[in-house]
Every structure is written in structure tokens, then in C-alpha cells.
Amino acid sequence: MSEVSRAGTWLLGEKSVSRMGYGTMQLAGPQVFGPPRDRNAAISVLRAALESGITHFDTSDFYGPHITNQIVREALSPYRDDVTLVTKIGVKRGEKGQWNRALTPEAINEAVHDNLRNLGLEVLDVVNLRLMFNPAKPVEGDITEPLEALIALKEQGLIRELGISNATLQQVTQARSMTEIVCVQNMYNLANRQDDAMIDLLAAENIAYVPFFPLGGFTPLQSAELDRVAAEHDATPKQVALAWLLQRSPNILLIPGTSSLAHLRENIASVNVELSDDAVAELDGIAG
């Protein structure tokens, strides 16, 4: 039994995936733009993640752009049957790395075909509609046009399952009224608990919740409480933050990213951290 399997699995549509997954964003260059400093190292990290038992890989063709998906293809193709690749569309990078909104039907169609080509696939396992009404946080906005474009591509057989990202509860509800949604990917971590109610609702419906920036993202989590609990559990603060997420709800799937083999192993080892009720209560206070 692999270490990763200790965290269990969850269904993404009809496929079971490891709850401890891997996100590819850090395999691109600085600011997720351009090539990595060491392409061979990026390939090694991906292969090590697979060998560790990870079967859930989160990526996007706007990482790089294109470069990260090409690295995924080189590292993991031909893909094993148990591997699930989750990508996202809704953004187009500018010439200087800008993150531009790309939610028109034409942009949606182009992005899906870019992902297919660069990943070397005929069908995408899961595509998240990344809403860029506000890049920093979910804000209300009608999603009918871009989601209809994605549904049409799914009906053409180019996509198996759909998800939504950076979305409000109202947008998740709208999406579910239009099509089956297998996952929601929003920012959530120890210090950012705005989706607590959504997570519980989705768990009751057997829908996966995938927190991006599980360790704080560009502003890493820092807390005296986190440091104290980590010391008590002979773990790093990052491991405790990931362990807290795994214990928060069974439908939470983790996709921490790294370009380092050492950090990959550190992230995976978080599945061995078992937090006591008292530790969880102390950590819950961080967001308050």
C-alpha cells in the first residue's frame, strides 16, 4: 500500500482519484510564465508523484502557456488508466504574462483544443470553467454563455466531466442546474474559510471540493498556532495545514504543487499526520 493511499480516494465523475493529488502550476517559469529553469527536474517530479500513488493531476494550458501541459505529456504519456488529468480554461495569457479573461465561446473552444493538443489526448477527463470576473476572488456574474460552450464540447465527446472554479455558491447552483458538476475548485485554507458551508453542501451531494492555494499561495500561511501544533505533532507547518484540510471533509481533494522532489515528499507525508480534536479546534481559530 502506498503512502498516498492513507488519505483515501474520492470520485471525480466515474473515476476514483487519490485525495492527495498534485498541481502543476509551479512547473512553469517565474510567475507561471515561460519555461522552467530545469525541465528534466520538472519531469522527474511528475514521475515521482505518479510512482508515489498520486492519480489526480491538476493542470492548465495557460500555465506557461502551453509549456506545463507539454511537460505533463512528456513525463506521463502514455497515461495510465487510473490517472485523471484535470485542466481549467477561462484565461488567456498576454505577451508579458498577463492573466486575461477568456470566457467567450470562441476562447472556450480554442482553450479546450489547446489542452487536447498539448496533453496529447483525444478526450479531456475533467475541465474546470475558471471564472475570471475578478481574478482575486469569486464575484457574482452570469455564467450561461461560457458554460453552454463547454457543455457543447462535452456533447461532442471532447470532455468527460465538467467542474467550476473561482465560483460563488450562486454560480455553482446555476452550473448544476445546467449540467452535472463533479468538482468545485476555489481558494480555501486554514486562514480562508469562506467556503465552509459550500464544502458541507457539496459533500452531501458527493461532489469534490478542490482548494487552490491550500498553503496560502503567494502569501504563505504563517501562524503561531500552526507552528505550535506542528511542533506537537513532529511535523512541519505545511504538513499540518494539509492534514487539517484532509480531516476537514472527505470530499476535499488536495493539489499542492511543487517543483522540488523534497517538497513533494514533504507534502505526501502530511497524510501521516493525525490531528487530535484539540489540535483541530486550535487550528480552526486561525480564521477567526
Protein backbone atom coordinates (compact mmCIF):
# COMPACT_ATOMS: atom_id res chain seq x y z
CA MET A 1 0.00 0.00 0.00
CA SER A 2 1.42 3.38 -0.99
CA GLU A 3 1.73 6.23 1.49
CA VAL A 4 -0.65 8.32 -0.61
CA SER A 5 -3.40 5.72 -0.20
CA ARG A 6 -3.64 6.51 3.51
CA ALA A 7 -5.56 9.65 2.58
CA GLY A 8 -8.14 7.59 0.70
CA THR A 9 -9.91 8.32 -2.56
CA TRP A 10 -12.90 10.26 -3.89
CA LEU A 11 -14.88 10.10 -7.10
CA LEU A 12 -14.39 12.67 -9.86
CA GLY A 13 -17.30 11.71 -12.02
CA GLU A 14 -16.94 7.98 -12.63
CA LYS A 15 -13.22 7.76 -11.78
CA SER A 16 -11.78 7.30 -8.31
CA VAL A 17 -8.77 9.53 -7.61
CA SER A 18 -6.28 9.86 -4.77
CA ARG A 19 -7.29 12.57 -2.31
CA MET A 20 -3.65 13.61 -2.23
CA GLY A 21 -3.09 14.96 -5.72
CA TYR A 22 -0.57 17.17 -7.44
CA GLY A 23 -0.85 20.62 -9.06
CA THR A 24 1.43 21.51 -11.95
CA MET A 25 1.41 25.32 -11.71
CA GLN A 26 4.93 25.54 -10.27
CA LEU A 27 6.40 23.58 -13.17
CA ALA A 28 6.38 26.70 -15.37
CA GLY A 29 8.81 29.60 -15.10
CA PRO A 30 8.58 32.60 -12.72
CA GLN A 31 5.04 33.97 -12.36
CA VAL A 32 3.81 30.78 -14.08
CA PHE A 33 5.17 32.15 -17.36
CA GLY A 34 7.77 30.71 -19.70
CA PRO A 35 9.78 27.51 -19.33
CA PRO A 36 11.06 26.08 -16.04
CA ARG A 37 14.69 26.52 -15.09
CA ASP A 38 15.16 22.73 -15.22
CA ARG A 39 12.79 20.82 -17.49
CA ASN A 40 14.28 17.45 -16.56
CA ALA A 41 13.69 18.17 -12.88
CA ALA A 42 10.05 19.01 -13.63
CA ILE A 43 9.64 15.70 -15.44
CA SER A 44 11.25 13.87 -12.51
CA VAL A 45 8.82 15.44 -10.01
CA LEU A 46 5.81 14.42 -12.09
CA ARG A 47 7.03 10.85 -12.44
CA ALA A 48 7.82 10.67 -8.73
CA ALA A 49 4.30 11.88 -7.93
CA LEU A 50 2.86 9.12 -10.09
CA GLU A 51 5.13 6.48 -8.59
CA SER A 52 4.09 7.58 -5.09
CA GLY A 53 0.47 6.66 -5.83
CA ILE A 54 -0.92 10.04 -6.89
CA THR A 55 -3.56 9.62 -9.61
CA HIS A 56 -5.07 13.14 -9.63
CA PHE A 57 -3.08 15.75 -11.57
CA ASP A 58 -4.33 19.32 -11.88
CA THR A 59 -3.01 21.40 -14.77
CA SER A 60 -3.91 24.03 -17.37
CA ASP A 61 -2.74 25.10 -20.78
CA PHE A 62 -2.48 28.70 -19.57
CA TYR A 63 0.40 27.66 -17.32
CA GLY A 64 3.39 28.69 -19.35
CA PRO A 65 1.30 29.00 -21.51
CA HIS A 66 1.32 25.53 -23.13
CA ILE A 67 4.66 24.57 -21.58
CA THR A 68 3.36 22.84 -18.46
CA ASN A 69 0.94 20.64 -20.38
CA GLN A 70 3.72 19.70 -22.77
CA ILE A 71 5.87 18.68 -19.79
CA VAL A 72 2.98 16.63 -18.38
CA ARG A 73 2.67 14.85 -21.71
CA GLU A 74 6.40 14.12 -21.87
CA ALA A 75 6.50 12.86 -18.29
CA LEU A 76 3.31 10.82 -18.04
CA SER A 77 2.18 9.84 -21.55
CA PRO A 78 1.03 7.25 -22.44
CA TYR A 79 -1.25 7.84 -19.48
CA ARG A 80 -2.17 5.02 -17.14
CA ASP A 81 -5.85 4.14 -16.96
CA ASP A 82 -6.02 5.16 -13.29
CA VAL A 83 -4.65 8.66 -13.94
CA THR A 84 -7.09 11.59 -14.05
CA LEU A 85 -5.97 14.87 -15.59
CA VAL A 86 -8.00 17.90 -14.57
CA THR A 87 -7.47 21.09 -16.55
CA LYS A 88 -9.05 24.53 -16.49
CA ILE A 89 -9.98 27.13 -19.07
CA GLY A 90 -11.21 30.72 -18.94
CA VAL A 91 -7.87 32.56 -19.02
CA LYS A 92 -5.52 33.58 -21.81
CA ARG A 93 -2.01 34.82 -21.10
CA GLY A 94 -0.79 38.09 -22.56
CA GLU A 95 2.58 38.62 -24.20
CA LYS A 96 4.06 39.76 -20.88
CA GLY A 97 2.31 37.11 -18.80
CA GLN A 98 -0.93 38.96 -18.06
CA TRP A 99 -3.86 36.82 -16.89
CA ASN A 100 -6.62 37.89 -19.27
CA ARG A 101 -10.24 36.83 -19.08
CA ALA A 102 -11.17 34.42 -21.90
CA LEU A 103 -14.79 33.36 -21.46
CA THR A 104 -16.25 33.85 -24.94
CA PRO A 105 -17.43 30.72 -26.79
CA GLU A 106 -14.54 31.17 -29.25
CA ALA A 107 -11.99 31.38 -26.44
CA ILE A 108 -13.51 28.35 -24.68
CA ASN A 109 -13.33 26.29 -27.87
CA GLU A 110 -9.73 27.34 -28.55
CA ALA A 111 -8.64 26.55 -24.98
CA VAL A 112 -10.14 23.06 -24.99
CA HIS A 113 -8.42 22.21 -28.26
CA ASP A 114 -5.11 23.66 -26.97
CA ASN A 115 -5.37 21.40 -23.92
CA LEU A 116 -6.14 18.36 -26.05
CA ARG A 117 -3.21 19.00 -28.36
CA ASN A 118 -0.61 19.79 -25.72
CA LEU A 119 -1.62 16.98 -23.38
CA GLY A 120 -1.80 14.54 -26.27
CA LEU A 121 -5.37 13.47 -25.57
CA GLU A 122 -8.49 12.84 -27.62
CA VAL A 123 -10.76 13.45 -24.63
CA LEU A 124 -10.16 15.58 -21.53
CA ASP A 125 -11.05 13.86 -18.24
CA VAL A 126 -12.28 16.96 -16.39
CA VAL A 127 -12.40 20.62 -17.42
CA ASN A 128 -12.97 23.36 -14.86
CA LEU A 129 -14.53 26.61 -16.03
CA ARG A 130 -12.30 29.18 -14.32
CA LEU A 131 -14.36 32.32 -13.77
CA MET A 132 -12.33 35.50 -14.16
CA PHE A 133 -14.94 38.13 -13.38
CA ASN A 134 -12.46 39.03 -10.63
CA PRO A 135 -9.15 37.11 -10.68
CA ALA A 136 -8.59 37.56 -6.94
CA LYS A 137 -11.87 36.18 -5.57
CA PRO A 138 -15.28 34.91 -6.70
CA VAL A 139 -17.80 37.57 -7.61
CA GLU A 140 -21.29 37.17 -8.98
CA GLY A 141 -21.77 37.07 -12.75
CA ASP A 142 -23.81 35.11 -15.24
CA ILE A 143 -22.02 32.00 -16.49
CA THR A 144 -24.52 30.88 -19.09
CA GLU A 145 -22.51 31.67 -22.25
CA PRO A 146 -19.15 30.08 -21.31
CA LEU A 147 -20.76 27.08 -19.65
CA GLU A 148 -23.02 26.44 -22.64
CA ALA A 149 -19.89 26.44 -24.82
CA LEU A 150 -18.29 23.84 -22.56
CA ILE A 151 -21.43 21.72 -22.48
CA ALA A 152 -21.45 21.70 -26.29
CA LEU A 153 -17.84 20.49 -26.35
CA LYS A 154 -18.74 17.78 -23.83
CA GLU A 155 -21.63 16.70 -26.05
CA GLN A 156 -19.14 16.45 -28.94
CA GLY A 157 -17.22 13.91 -26.88
CA LEU A 158 -14.17 16.12 -26.22
CA ILE A 159 -14.74 16.33 -22.44
CA ARG A 160 -15.90 13.65 -19.98
CA GLU A 161 -16.71 15.75 -16.91
CA LEU A 162 -17.12 19.42 -16.00
CA GLY A 163 -16.25 21.47 -12.95
CA ILE A 164 -16.19 25.13 -11.96
CA SER A 165 -13.53 27.30 -10.34
CA ASN A 166 -13.38 30.64 -8.52
CA ALA A 167 -17.15 30.47 -8.20
CA THR A 168 -19.76 31.71 -5.75
CA LEU A 169 -22.40 29.39 -4.35
CA GLN A 170 -24.95 31.01 -6.65
CA GLN A 171 -22.77 30.26 -9.68
CA VAL A 172 -22.25 26.68 -8.52
CA THR A 173 -26.02 26.34 -8.20
CA GLN A 174 -26.53 27.83 -11.68
CA ALA A 175 -23.94 25.48 -13.14
CA ARG A 176 -25.57 22.43 -11.54
CA SER A 177 -28.93 23.49 -12.99
CA MET A 178 -27.37 23.38 -16.47
CA THR A 179 -25.19 20.25 -16.30
CA GLU A 180 -23.55 17.77 -13.96
CA ILE A 181 -20.68 19.32 -12.00
CA VAL A 182 -18.15 16.91 -10.48
CA CYS A 183 -15.90 19.39 -8.67
CA VAL A 184 -15.57 22.94 -7.43
CA GLN A 185 -12.10 24.49 -7.23
CA ASN A 186 -11.89 27.60 -5.04
CA MET A 187 -9.36 29.21 -2.74
CA TYR A 188 -9.62 27.66 0.72
CA ASN A 189 -7.17 27.01 3.53
CA LEU A 190 -6.76 27.37 7.29
CA ALA A 191 -6.92 31.15 7.11
CA ASN A 192 -9.51 31.47 4.32
CA ARG A 193 -12.68 29.68 5.37
CA GLN A 194 -15.30 31.49 3.28
CA ASP A 195 -16.46 28.25 1.63
CA ASP A 196 -17.18 26.25 4.79
CA ALA A 197 -20.92 26.00 4.07
CA MET A 198 -20.29 25.19 0.40
CA ILE A 199 -17.93 22.35 1.27
CA ASP A 200 -20.53 20.73 3.53
CA LEU A 201 -23.25 21.12 0.91
CA LEU A 202 -21.07 19.59 -1.81
CA ALA A 203 -20.03 16.71 0.46
CA ALA A 204 -23.69 15.85 0.97
CA GLU A 205 -24.05 15.70 -2.82
CA ASN A 206 -20.83 13.64 -3.30
CA ILE A 207 -19.20 16.48 -5.24
CA ALA A 208 -15.45 17.07 -4.84
CA TYR A 209 -14.08 20.33 -3.46
CA VAL A 210 -10.53 21.17 -4.52
CA PRO A 211 -8.88 24.03 -2.63
CA PHE A 212 -6.33 26.04 -4.56
CA PHE A 213 -3.66 27.83 -2.53
CA PRO A 214 -4.04 25.21 0.24
CA LEU A 215 -0.84 26.59 1.81
CA GLY A 216 -1.70 30.25 1.25
CA GLY A 217 -0.37 30.69 -2.28
CA PHE A 218 1.60 33.89 -2.83
CA THR A 219 1.13 34.82 0.86
CA PRO A 220 2.12 31.60 2.66
CA LEU A 221 0.29 30.69 5.86
CA GLN A 222 2.00 31.97 8.99
CA SER A 223 0.56 31.47 12.45
CA ALA A 224 1.84 30.86 15.96
CA GLU A 225 -0.95 28.32 16.44
CA LEU A 226 0.09 26.47 13.30
CA ASP A 227 3.72 26.39 14.42
CA ARG A 228 2.72 25.14 17.88
CA VAL A 229 0.54 22.31 16.56
CA ALA A 230 3.26 21.34 14.10
CA ALA A 231 5.81 21.06 16.88
CA GLU A 232 3.42 18.94 18.95
CA HIS A 233 2.94 16.53 16.03
CA ASP A 234 6.59 16.39 14.98
CA ALA A 235 5.56 17.78 11.59
CA THR A 236 6.14 20.88 9.52
CA PRO A 237 3.56 23.69 9.46
CA LYS A 238 2.85 22.89 5.79
CA GLN A 239 2.15 19.26 6.64
CA VAL A 240 -0.24 20.27 9.41
CA ALA A 241 -2.07 22.69 7.09
CA LEU A 242 -2.56 19.93 4.53
CA ALA A 243 -3.53 17.38 7.19
CA TRP A 244 -6.16 19.80 8.51
CA LEU A 245 -7.68 20.00 5.03
CA LEU A 246 -7.76 16.22 4.68
CA GLN A 247 -9.56 15.94 8.02
CA ARG A 248 -11.90 18.87 7.27
CA SER A 249 -14.14 16.88 4.91
CA PRO A 250 -13.83 13.64 2.93
CA ASN A 251 -14.72 15.37 -0.36
CA ILE A 252 -11.68 17.68 -0.18
CA LEU A 253 -9.02 16.77 -2.74
CA LEU A 254 -5.56 18.30 -2.35
CA ILE A 255 -3.41 19.52 -5.25
CA PRO A 256 -0.33 21.12 -3.65
CA GLY A 257 2.23 21.97 -6.27
CA THR A 258 6.00 21.96 -6.19
CA SER A 259 8.98 21.70 -8.49
CA SER A 260 11.06 20.04 -5.76
CA LEU A 261 11.27 16.32 -5.01
CA ALA A 262 11.93 17.12 -1.34
CA HIS A 263 8.81 19.27 -1.09
CA LEU A 264 6.78 16.64 -2.91
CA ARG A 265 7.80 14.07 -0.30
CA GLU A 266 7.02 16.57 2.49
CA ASN A 267 3.54 17.18 1.06
CA ILE A 268 2.83 13.47 0.67
CA ALA A 269 3.97 12.77 4.25
CA SER A 270 1.17 15.02 5.52
CA VAL A 271 -1.19 12.04 5.10
CA ASN A 272 0.55 10.52 8.13
CA VAL A 273 -0.30 13.46 10.41
CA GLU A 274 -3.33 12.70 12.57
CA LEU A 275 -4.62 15.80 14.31
CA SER A 276 -6.35 15.49 17.67
CA ASP A 277 -9.69 17.19 18.31
CA ASP A 278 -7.90 19.75 20.46
CA ALA A 279 -5.40 20.47 17.67
CA VAL A 280 -8.20 20.89 15.12
CA ALA A 281 -10.03 23.27 17.46
CA GLU A 282 -6.87 25.34 17.91
CA LEU A 283 -6.28 25.47 14.15
CA ASP A 284 -9.90 26.37 13.49
CA GLY A 285 -9.31 29.54 15.48
CA ILE A 286 -6.79 30.84 12.97
CA ALA A 287 -9.51 32.02 10.59
CA GLY A 288 -11.41 33.76 13.36
